[in-house]
Structures are given as C-alpha cells and as structure tokens.
Amino acid sequence: MTVTVLTLLKRRPDMSKADFIAYYETHHRLIGEKVLGPWAIRYERKHLHPMDGSDIEHDFDVAMEIEFADEAAMAACFAALAEPETRREITEDEERLFDRPRMRVYRVEQHRSVMPG
C-alpha cells in the first residue's frame, strides 16, 4: 500500500503569488525531484487559488504531495533528507521561498468514494 505525505506551505510575506509559483516550479521543484527521485513515485505541487477569486492572504499557498510505494521507501527517503548536506541545500532554498515556521507536514489517511455515473 502506498504512503502519501502532504505538506502545506505558505510563501514568504514579501513574495507575490506569481513570483512564488515561478520560483517553486523553475527552481525548488528541481531540488525536490533530485532528492526525492530514488524513493518517491509521485511528487505534486497543488497551488491554491481561492474559488471566490479573492486576493487576500490565506493560510497556505500550496499543497505538496509526495507518494511512496511503501513505508520502507518513505523511511529511506526521510533518512536521506536528514543527511547534513541535503538538509542544508533544502533549508537554504526553503528560506528563499517559504514562511518556514508555517510549514505543516502530514501523513495522509485516504478514503475514496465511488461516485455514480
């Protein structure tokens, strides 16, 4: 059974949403692909845009999901992420992009409904 980790992220207060998305998708994403690549089977960023079109501050700007084939793959990945050089690279880039104290990480328990039609 696969394991999904969900991280909710908020951009730095001095960064526009457009600049945030551009930096994430052209730079930070590449770090993610490099460090997650040996273990993750899915790495998605879901940039959040309010349905009411409002341009006010919200709690989070992106929901990032990482899916692993199993517990062992997740554990190996997180062990590798804790290596000092890898941790330094990730942290330095996160500081350019995110409001790090507001980051929230969750393990997802998923339930899916089968919809008619």
N, C-alpha and C. Protein backbone atom coordinates (compact mmCIF):
# COMPACT_ATOMS: atom_id res chain seq x y z
N MET A 1 0.83 -1.19 0.00
CA MET A 1 0.00 0.00 0.00
C MET A 1 0.88 1.25 0.00
N THR A 2 0.53 2.21 -0.82
CA THR A 2 1.33 3.43 -0.90
C THR A 2 1.13 4.30 0.34
N VAL A 3 2.09 5.19 0.55
CA VAL A 3 2.07 6.14 1.67
C VAL A 3 2.19 7.54 1.07
N THR A 4 1.28 8.44 1.49
CA THR A 4 1.31 9.80 0.99
C THR A 4 1.62 10.76 2.12
N VAL A 5 2.51 11.71 1.85
CA VAL A 5 2.84 12.78 2.78
C VAL A 5 2.37 14.09 2.15
N LEU A 6 1.61 14.86 2.92
CA LEU A 6 1.07 16.14 2.47
C LEU A 6 1.74 17.25 3.26
N THR A 7 2.28 18.23 2.56
CA THR A 7 2.88 19.38 3.22
C THR A 7 2.17 20.63 2.75
N LEU A 8 1.69 21.44 3.70
CA LEU A 8 1.04 22.70 3.39
C LEU A 8 2.06 23.81 3.58
N LEU A 9 2.21 24.64 2.57
CA LEU A 9 3.28 25.63 2.55
C LEU A 9 2.73 27.04 2.29
N LYS A 10 3.33 28.00 2.95
CA LYS A 10 2.98 29.41 2.79
C LYS A 10 4.19 30.14 2.23
N ARG A 11 3.97 30.99 1.26
CA ARG A 11 5.07 31.77 0.69
C ARG A 11 5.54 32.83 1.67
N ARG A 12 6.75 33.31 1.45
CA ARG A 12 7.27 34.41 2.27
C ARG A 12 6.36 35.62 2.09
N PRO A 13 6.20 36.44 3.13
CA PRO A 13 5.28 37.58 3.02
C PRO A 13 5.70 38.63 2.00
N ASP A 14 6.98 38.68 1.67
CA ASP A 14 7.46 39.69 0.71
C ASP A 14 7.44 39.18 -0.73
N MET A 15 6.81 38.05 -0.98
CA MET A 15 6.83 37.43 -2.30
C MET A 15 5.41 37.39 -2.88
N SER A 16 5.26 37.80 -4.12
CA SER A 16 3.95 37.72 -4.77
C SER A 16 3.64 36.26 -5.08
N LYS A 17 2.36 35.98 -5.27
CA LYS A 17 1.96 34.61 -5.60
C LYS A 17 2.58 34.19 -6.93
N ALA A 18 2.59 35.09 -7.91
CA ALA A 18 3.17 34.76 -9.22
C ALA A 18 4.66 34.46 -9.11
N ASP A 19 5.38 35.27 -8.34
CA ASP A 19 6.81 35.03 -8.16
C ASP A 19 7.05 33.72 -7.39
N PHE A 20 6.19 33.45 -6.42
CA PHE A 20 6.29 32.22 -5.64
C PHE A 20 6.15 31.00 -6.54
N ILE A 21 5.11 30.98 -7.36
CA ILE A 21 4.88 29.84 -8.25
C ILE A 21 6.02 29.70 -9.25
N ALA A 22 6.46 30.81 -9.81
CA ALA A 22 7.54 30.76 -10.79
C ALA A 22 8.82 30.18 -10.18
N TYR A 23 9.20 30.66 -8.98
CA TYR A 23 10.41 30.16 -8.35
C TYR A 23 10.26 28.68 -7.97
N TYR A 24 9.12 28.35 -7.41
CA TYR A 24 8.90 26.96 -6.99
C TYR A 24 9.02 26.02 -8.20
N GLU A 25 8.35 26.36 -9.29
CA GLU A 25 8.28 25.46 -10.44
C GLU A 25 9.53 25.46 -11.32
N THR A 26 10.35 26.50 -11.24
CA THR A 26 11.56 26.53 -12.07
C THR A 26 12.83 26.22 -11.28
N HIS A 27 12.75 26.28 -9.93
CA HIS A 27 13.96 26.04 -9.15
C HIS A 27 13.75 25.01 -8.03
N HIS A 28 12.90 25.35 -7.07
CA HIS A 28 12.76 24.47 -5.90
C HIS A 28 12.26 23.08 -6.30
N ARG A 29 11.39 23.01 -7.27
CA ARG A 29 10.88 21.72 -7.77
C ARG A 29 12.02 20.81 -8.20
N LEU A 30 13.04 21.38 -8.81
CA LEU A 30 14.17 20.58 -9.30
C LEU A 30 14.96 19.96 -8.14
N ILE A 31 15.08 20.69 -7.05
CA ILE A 31 15.73 20.13 -5.86
C ILE A 31 14.89 18.97 -5.34
N GLY A 32 13.58 19.18 -5.29
CA GLY A 32 12.68 18.12 -4.86
C GLY A 32 12.81 16.88 -5.72
N GLU A 33 12.82 17.05 -7.02
CA GLU A 33 12.94 15.90 -7.92
C GLU A 33 14.25 15.16 -7.70
N LYS A 34 15.32 15.93 -7.47
CA LYS A 34 16.64 15.31 -7.26
C LYS A 34 16.68 14.51 -5.96
N VAL A 35 16.21 15.11 -4.87
CA VAL A 35 16.36 14.44 -3.57
C VAL A 35 15.29 13.38 -3.33
N LEU A 36 14.13 13.52 -3.95
CA LEU A 36 13.05 12.54 -3.77
C LEU A 36 13.12 11.40 -4.77
N GLY A 37 13.78 11.65 -5.89
CA GLY A 37 13.78 10.74 -7.03
C GLY A 37 14.02 9.27 -6.74
N PRO A 38 14.98 8.92 -5.92
CA PRO A 38 15.22 7.49 -5.70
C PRO A 38 14.11 6.77 -4.93
N TRP A 39 13.22 7.51 -4.25
CA TRP A 39 12.24 6.88 -3.37
C TRP A 39 10.78 7.18 -3.72
N ALA A 40 10.49 8.39 -4.14
CA ALA A 40 9.09 8.79 -4.36
C ALA A 40 8.59 8.27 -5.71
N ILE A 41 7.30 7.95 -5.75
CA ILE A 41 6.69 7.56 -7.01
C ILE A 41 5.80 8.69 -7.56
N ARG A 42 5.54 9.71 -6.73
CA ARG A 42 4.78 10.87 -7.18
C ARG A 42 5.19 12.07 -6.35
N TYR A 43 5.36 13.21 -7.02
CA TYR A 43 5.71 14.47 -6.38
C TYR A 43 4.89 15.55 -7.07
N GLU A 44 3.88 16.07 -6.38
CA GLU A 44 2.98 17.06 -6.96
C GLU A 44 2.90 18.30 -6.10
N ARG A 45 2.80 19.43 -6.78
CA ARG A 45 2.56 20.70 -6.12
C ARG A 45 1.19 21.19 -6.60
N LYS A 46 0.31 21.47 -5.65
CA LYS A 46 -1.04 21.93 -5.97
C LYS A 46 -1.16 23.36 -5.45
N HIS A 47 -0.94 24.31 -6.36
CA HIS A 47 -1.00 25.72 -5.99
C HIS A 47 -2.46 26.11 -5.78
N LEU A 48 -2.73 26.75 -4.65
CA LEU A 48 -4.09 27.02 -4.22
C LEU A 48 -4.53 28.42 -4.63
N HIS A 49 -5.69 28.48 -5.28
CA HIS A 49 -6.28 29.74 -5.74
C HIS A 49 -7.71 29.78 -5.20
N PRO A 50 -8.04 30.77 -4.37
CA PRO A 50 -9.38 30.82 -3.77
C PRO A 50 -10.48 30.80 -4.82
N MET A 51 -11.49 29.99 -4.58
CA MET A 51 -12.61 29.85 -5.51
C MET A 51 -13.39 31.15 -5.66
N ASP A 52 -13.37 32.00 -4.62
CA ASP A 52 -14.12 33.25 -4.72
C ASP A 52 -13.32 34.35 -5.43
N GLY A 53 -12.10 34.01 -5.88
CA GLY A 53 -11.28 34.97 -6.60
C GLY A 53 -10.65 36.04 -5.73
N SER A 54 -10.81 35.94 -4.43
CA SER A 54 -10.27 36.96 -3.53
C SER A 54 -8.75 36.98 -3.58
N ASP A 55 -8.21 38.12 -3.34
CA ASP A 55 -6.76 38.30 -3.34
C ASP A 55 -6.29 38.68 -1.93
N ILE A 56 -6.87 38.01 -0.94
CA ILE A 56 -6.48 38.26 0.44
C ILE A 56 -5.54 37.15 0.89
N GLU A 57 -4.84 37.40 1.98
CA GLU A 57 -3.92 36.40 2.50
C GLU A 57 -4.69 35.18 2.99
N HIS A 58 -4.17 34.00 2.68
CA HIS A 58 -4.75 32.75 3.13
C HIS A 58 -3.68 31.99 3.91
N ASP A 59 -4.10 30.94 4.59
CA ASP A 59 -3.18 30.19 5.45
C ASP A 59 -2.05 29.52 4.68
N PHE A 60 -2.36 29.02 3.47
CA PHE A 60 -1.36 28.29 2.70
C PHE A 60 -1.50 28.63 1.22
N ASP A 61 -0.39 28.50 0.50
CA ASP A 61 -0.38 28.80 -0.93
C ASP A 61 -0.24 27.56 -1.79
N VAL A 62 0.25 26.48 -1.22
CA VAL A 62 0.44 25.27 -2.00
C VAL A 62 0.31 24.05 -1.09
N ALA A 63 -0.28 23.00 -1.66
CA ALA A 63 -0.32 21.69 -1.01
C ALA A 63 0.61 20.80 -1.81
N MET A 64 1.66 20.32 -1.17
CA MET A 64 2.65 19.49 -1.85
C MET A 64 2.46 18.06 -1.39
N GLU A 65 2.36 17.14 -2.34
CA GLU A 65 2.18 15.73 -2.01
C GLU A 65 3.34 14.91 -2.54
N ILE A 66 3.80 14.00 -1.68
CA ILE A 66 4.82 13.03 -2.07
C ILE A 66 4.23 11.67 -1.78
N GLU A 67 4.26 10.79 -2.76
CA GLU A 67 3.75 9.44 -2.58
C GLU A 67 4.90 8.45 -2.68
N PHE A 68 4.90 7.49 -1.76
CA PHE A 68 5.91 6.46 -1.71
C PHE A 68 5.26 5.10 -1.93
N ALA A 69 6.00 4.16 -2.47
CA ALA A 69 5.47 2.82 -2.73
C ALA A 69 5.09 2.12 -1.43
N ASP A 70 5.84 2.41 -0.35
CA ASP A 70 5.58 1.74 0.93
C ASP A 70 6.30 2.48 2.06
N GLU A 71 6.12 1.97 3.26
CA GLU A 71 6.74 2.57 4.46
C GLU A 71 8.27 2.59 4.37
N ALA A 72 8.84 1.52 3.85
CA ALA A 72 10.29 1.42 3.77
C ALA A 72 10.86 2.51 2.86
N ALA A 73 10.21 2.77 1.75
CA ALA A 73 10.67 3.82 0.83
C ALA A 73 10.58 5.19 1.50
N MET A 74 9.47 5.43 2.23
CA MET A 74 9.32 6.70 2.93
C MET A 74 10.41 6.87 3.99
N ALA A 75 10.66 5.83 4.77
CA ALA A 75 11.68 5.90 5.82
C ALA A 75 13.06 6.13 5.23
N ALA A 76 13.39 5.46 4.14
CA ALA A 76 14.69 5.66 3.50
C ALA A 76 14.83 7.08 2.97
N CYS A 77 13.76 7.61 2.40
CA CYS A 77 13.79 8.97 1.88
C CYS A 77 14.02 9.98 3.00
N PHE A 78 13.27 9.85 4.09
CA PHE A 78 13.42 10.81 5.18
C PHE A 78 14.79 10.69 5.85
N ALA A 79 15.36 9.51 5.88
CA ALA A 79 16.73 9.35 6.39
C ALA A 79 17.71 10.09 5.49
N ALA A 80 17.54 9.96 4.19
CA ALA A 80 18.43 10.65 3.25
C ALA A 80 18.24 12.16 3.34
N LEU A 81 17.01 12.62 3.52
CA LEU A 81 16.75 14.05 3.64
C LEU A 81 17.40 14.65 4.89
N ALA A 82 17.63 13.83 5.88
CA ALA A 82 18.25 14.29 7.12
C ALA A 82 19.77 14.39 7.04
N GLU A 83 20.36 13.87 5.96
CA GLU A 83 21.81 13.98 5.80
C GLU A 83 22.19 15.46 5.78
N PRO A 84 23.25 15.86 6.47
CA PRO A 84 23.56 17.28 6.63
C PRO A 84 23.64 18.10 5.33
N GLU A 85 24.31 17.59 4.32
CA GLU A 85 24.44 18.37 3.07
C GLU A 85 23.10 18.52 2.36
N THR A 86 22.32 17.47 2.34
CA THR A 86 20.99 17.53 1.72
C THR A 86 20.09 18.47 2.50
N ARG A 87 20.09 18.34 3.82
CA ARG A 87 19.28 19.21 4.69
C ARG A 87 19.66 20.68 4.47
N ARG A 88 20.97 20.96 4.37
CA ARG A 88 21.43 22.33 4.16
C ARG A 88 20.90 22.88 2.84
N GLU A 89 21.02 22.10 1.76
CA GLU A 89 20.57 22.55 0.45
C GLU A 89 19.07 22.86 0.45
N ILE A 90 18.30 21.97 1.04
CA ILE A 90 16.85 22.17 1.09
C ILE A 90 16.50 23.39 1.94
N THR A 91 17.08 23.47 3.12
CA THR A 91 16.76 24.57 4.04
C THR A 91 17.12 25.92 3.45
N GLU A 92 18.28 26.03 2.85
CA GLU A 92 18.69 27.31 2.25
C GLU A 92 17.71 27.75 1.17
N ASP A 93 17.24 26.82 0.35
CA ASP A 93 16.31 27.20 -0.70
C ASP A 93 14.92 27.46 -0.13
N GLU A 94 14.50 26.70 0.87
CA GLU A 94 13.21 26.96 1.51
C GLU A 94 13.17 28.37 2.09
N GLU A 95 14.27 28.84 2.64
CA GLU A 95 14.30 30.18 3.22
C GLU A 95 14.11 31.27 2.17
N ARG A 96 14.43 30.99 0.92
CA ARG A 96 14.21 31.94 -0.17
C ARG A 96 12.75 31.98 -0.59
N LEU A 97 11.99 30.96 -0.23
CA LEU A 97 10.67 30.75 -0.80
C LEU A 97 9.54 30.74 0.22
N PHE A 98 9.72 30.03 1.32
CA PHE A 98 8.63 29.76 2.24
C PHE A 98 8.71 30.55 3.54
N ASP A 99 7.55 30.71 4.16
CA ASP A 99 7.45 31.17 5.54
C ASP A 99 7.58 29.89 6.38
N ARG A 100 8.80 29.48 6.64
CA ARG A 100 9.09 28.14 7.18
C ARG A 100 8.39 27.82 8.50
N PRO A 101 8.22 28.78 9.44
CA PRO A 101 7.52 28.41 10.68
C PRO A 101 6.06 27.97 10.43
N ARG A 102 5.51 28.32 9.28
CA ARG A 102 4.11 27.98 8.99
C ARG A 102 3.97 26.66 8.23
N MET A 103 5.08 26.01 7.93
CA MET A 103 5.02 24.73 7.21
C MET A 103 4.36 23.67 8.09
N ARG A 104 3.49 22.86 7.48
CA ARG A 104 2.82 21.77 8.19
C ARG A 104 2.94 20.50 7.36
N VAL A 105 3.34 19.40 7.99
CA VAL A 105 3.56 18.14 7.29
C VAL A 105 2.64 17.08 7.92
N TYR A 106 1.96 16.32 7.04
CA TYR A 106 1.01 15.32 7.48
C TYR A 106 1.20 14.02 6.71
N ARG A 107 0.93 12.94 7.36
CA ARG A 107 0.78 11.65 6.70
C ARG A 107 -0.71 11.55 6.39
N VAL A 108 -1.05 11.17 5.17
CA VAL A 108 -2.44 11.18 4.71
C VAL A 108 -3.08 9.80 4.90
N GLU A 109 -4.25 9.80 5.51
CA GLU A 109 -5.10 8.62 5.53
C GLU A 109 -6.22 8.91 4.54
N GLN A 110 -6.27 8.15 3.49
CA GLN A 110 -7.18 8.46 2.39
C GLN A 110 -8.38 7.52 2.36
N HIS A 111 -9.56 8.11 2.12
CA HIS A 111 -10.80 7.36 1.92
C HIS A 111 -11.43 7.92 0.64
N ARG A 112 -11.80 7.04 -0.25
CA ARG A 112 -12.33 7.48 -1.53
C ARG A 112 -13.74 6.94 -1.73
N SER A 113 -14.62 7.80 -2.18
CA SER A 113 -15.99 7.38 -2.51
C SER A 113 -16.07 6.99 -3.96
N VAL A 114 -16.84 5.99 -4.24
CA VAL A 114 -17.14 5.61 -5.62
C VAL A 114 -18.39 6.39 -6.02
N MET A 115 -18.26 7.23 -7.02
CA MET A 115 -19.36 8.11 -7.41
C MET A 115 -20.17 7.46 -8.53
N PRO A 116 -21.49 7.67 -8.49
CA PRO A 116 -22.32 7.11 -9.55
C PRO A 116 -22.03 7.79 -10.87
N GLY A 117 -22.22 7.03 -11.93
CA GLY A 117 -22.08 7.62 -13.26
C GLY A 117 -20.71 7.52 -13.75
